[in-house]
Protein backbone atom coordinates (compact mmCIF):
# COMPACT_ATOMS: atom_id res chain seq x y z
CA MET A 1 -32.50 51.75 -20.00
CA ALA A 2 -30.39 49.07 -18.31
CA ILE A 3 -26.90 48.00 -19.34
CA ILE A 4 -25.60 44.88 -17.63
CA THR A 5 -21.92 44.02 -17.99
CA VAL A 6 -20.71 40.58 -16.94
CA GLN A 7 -17.03 39.71 -16.86
CA LEU A 8 -16.27 36.02 -16.75
CA TYR A 9 -13.66 33.47 -17.68
CA PRO A 10 -13.91 32.15 -21.24
CA GLY A 11 -15.24 28.67 -21.82
CA ARG A 12 -19.03 28.85 -21.67
CA SER A 13 -20.98 27.48 -24.59
CA VAL A 14 -23.10 29.70 -26.81
CA GLN A 15 -26.19 28.14 -25.23
CA GLN A 16 -24.96 28.98 -21.71
CA LYS A 17 -24.37 32.58 -22.78
CA ARG A 18 -27.79 32.72 -24.43
CA ASP A 19 -29.40 31.42 -21.22
CA LEU A 20 -27.46 33.89 -19.09
CA VAL A 21 -28.50 36.85 -21.25
CA ARG A 22 -32.13 35.73 -21.06
CA ALA A 23 -32.03 35.22 -17.27
CA LEU A 24 -30.36 38.56 -16.61
CA THR A 25 -32.80 40.38 -18.87
CA ASP A 26 -35.77 38.68 -17.20
CA ALA A 27 -34.44 39.64 -13.75
CA VAL A 28 -33.90 43.29 -14.64
CA VAL A 29 -37.35 43.52 -16.21
CA ALA A 30 -38.96 41.89 -13.16
CA HIS A 31 -37.02 43.65 -10.42
CA ALA A 32 -35.74 46.95 -11.79
CA GLY A 33 -38.65 48.09 -13.93
CA ALA A 34 -36.66 48.12 -17.16
CA THR A 35 -38.30 47.22 -20.44
CA ARG A 36 -36.99 44.29 -22.44
CA GLU A 37 -36.50 46.59 -25.45
CA ARG A 38 -34.16 48.83 -23.44
CA CYS A 39 -32.12 46.16 -21.66
CA TYR A 40 -28.62 45.43 -22.95
CA VAL A 41 -26.28 42.69 -21.74
CA VAL A 42 -22.56 42.74 -22.50
CA LEU A 43 -20.58 39.56 -21.86
CA GLN A 44 -16.85 40.16 -21.57
CA GLU A 45 -14.73 37.03 -21.56
CA VAL A 46 -11.50 37.79 -19.74
CA PRO A 47 -8.76 35.13 -19.83
CA PRO A 48 -7.34 34.04 -16.47
CA GLU A 49 -4.00 35.76 -17.08
CA ASN A 50 -5.90 39.06 -16.77
CA TRP A 51 -7.58 38.30 -13.40
CA GLY A 52 -6.67 38.56 -9.78
CA VAL A 53 -8.71 36.55 -7.28
CA LEU A 54 -8.74 37.54 -3.59
CA GLY A 55 -5.37 39.22 -3.90
CA THR A 56 -3.81 36.35 -5.86
CA TYR A 57 -2.93 36.28 -9.55
CA ALA A 58 -5.54 33.94 -11.02
CA LEU A 59 -3.04 31.62 -12.74
CA ASP A 60 -1.24 31.20 -9.40
CA ASP A 61 -4.45 30.30 -7.54
CA GLU A 62 -4.80 26.53 -7.05
CA ALA A 63 -8.59 26.50 -7.49
CA THR A 64 -8.28 28.52 -10.68
CA THR A 65 -5.41 26.54 -12.17
CA ARG A 66 -7.39 23.31 -11.83
CA ARG A 67 -9.75 24.76 -14.47
CA TRP A 68 -7.06 26.11 -16.81
CA ALA A 69 -4.34 24.46 -18.81
CA PRO A 70 -0.80 25.86 -18.51
CA ASP A 71 -1.24 27.74 -21.79
CA GLY A 72 -4.28 29.60 -20.39
CA THR A 73 -6.94 27.68 -22.34
CA PRO A 74 -9.94 26.33 -20.43
CA VAL A 75 -9.97 22.69 -19.36
CA THR A 76 -13.02 21.16 -21.00
CA ASP A 77 -13.10 17.88 -19.10
CA GLU A 78 -16.29 18.17 -17.02
CA ARG A 79 -14.77 16.26 -14.11
CA SER A 80 -12.18 19.00 -13.53
CA ASN A 81 -14.30 22.02 -14.56
CA PRO A 82 -17.42 22.07 -12.36
């Protein structure tokens, strides 16, 4: 059995999450010998106010704050959220 836990910022679409689950499952089946029926993926969306990045509070990090509005919601404009 394989359990994969991924912690990431909120803001991905359902399709992106679906694709990620599929890709992770495929990789574990191909490279770790797990069976698809016994592979579980848990996606945990953690808002930026609960992250630290390289020793810096995520909301204080310039690269992070370019992707997040002051209220902690993700910026959805594709030009500022690569």
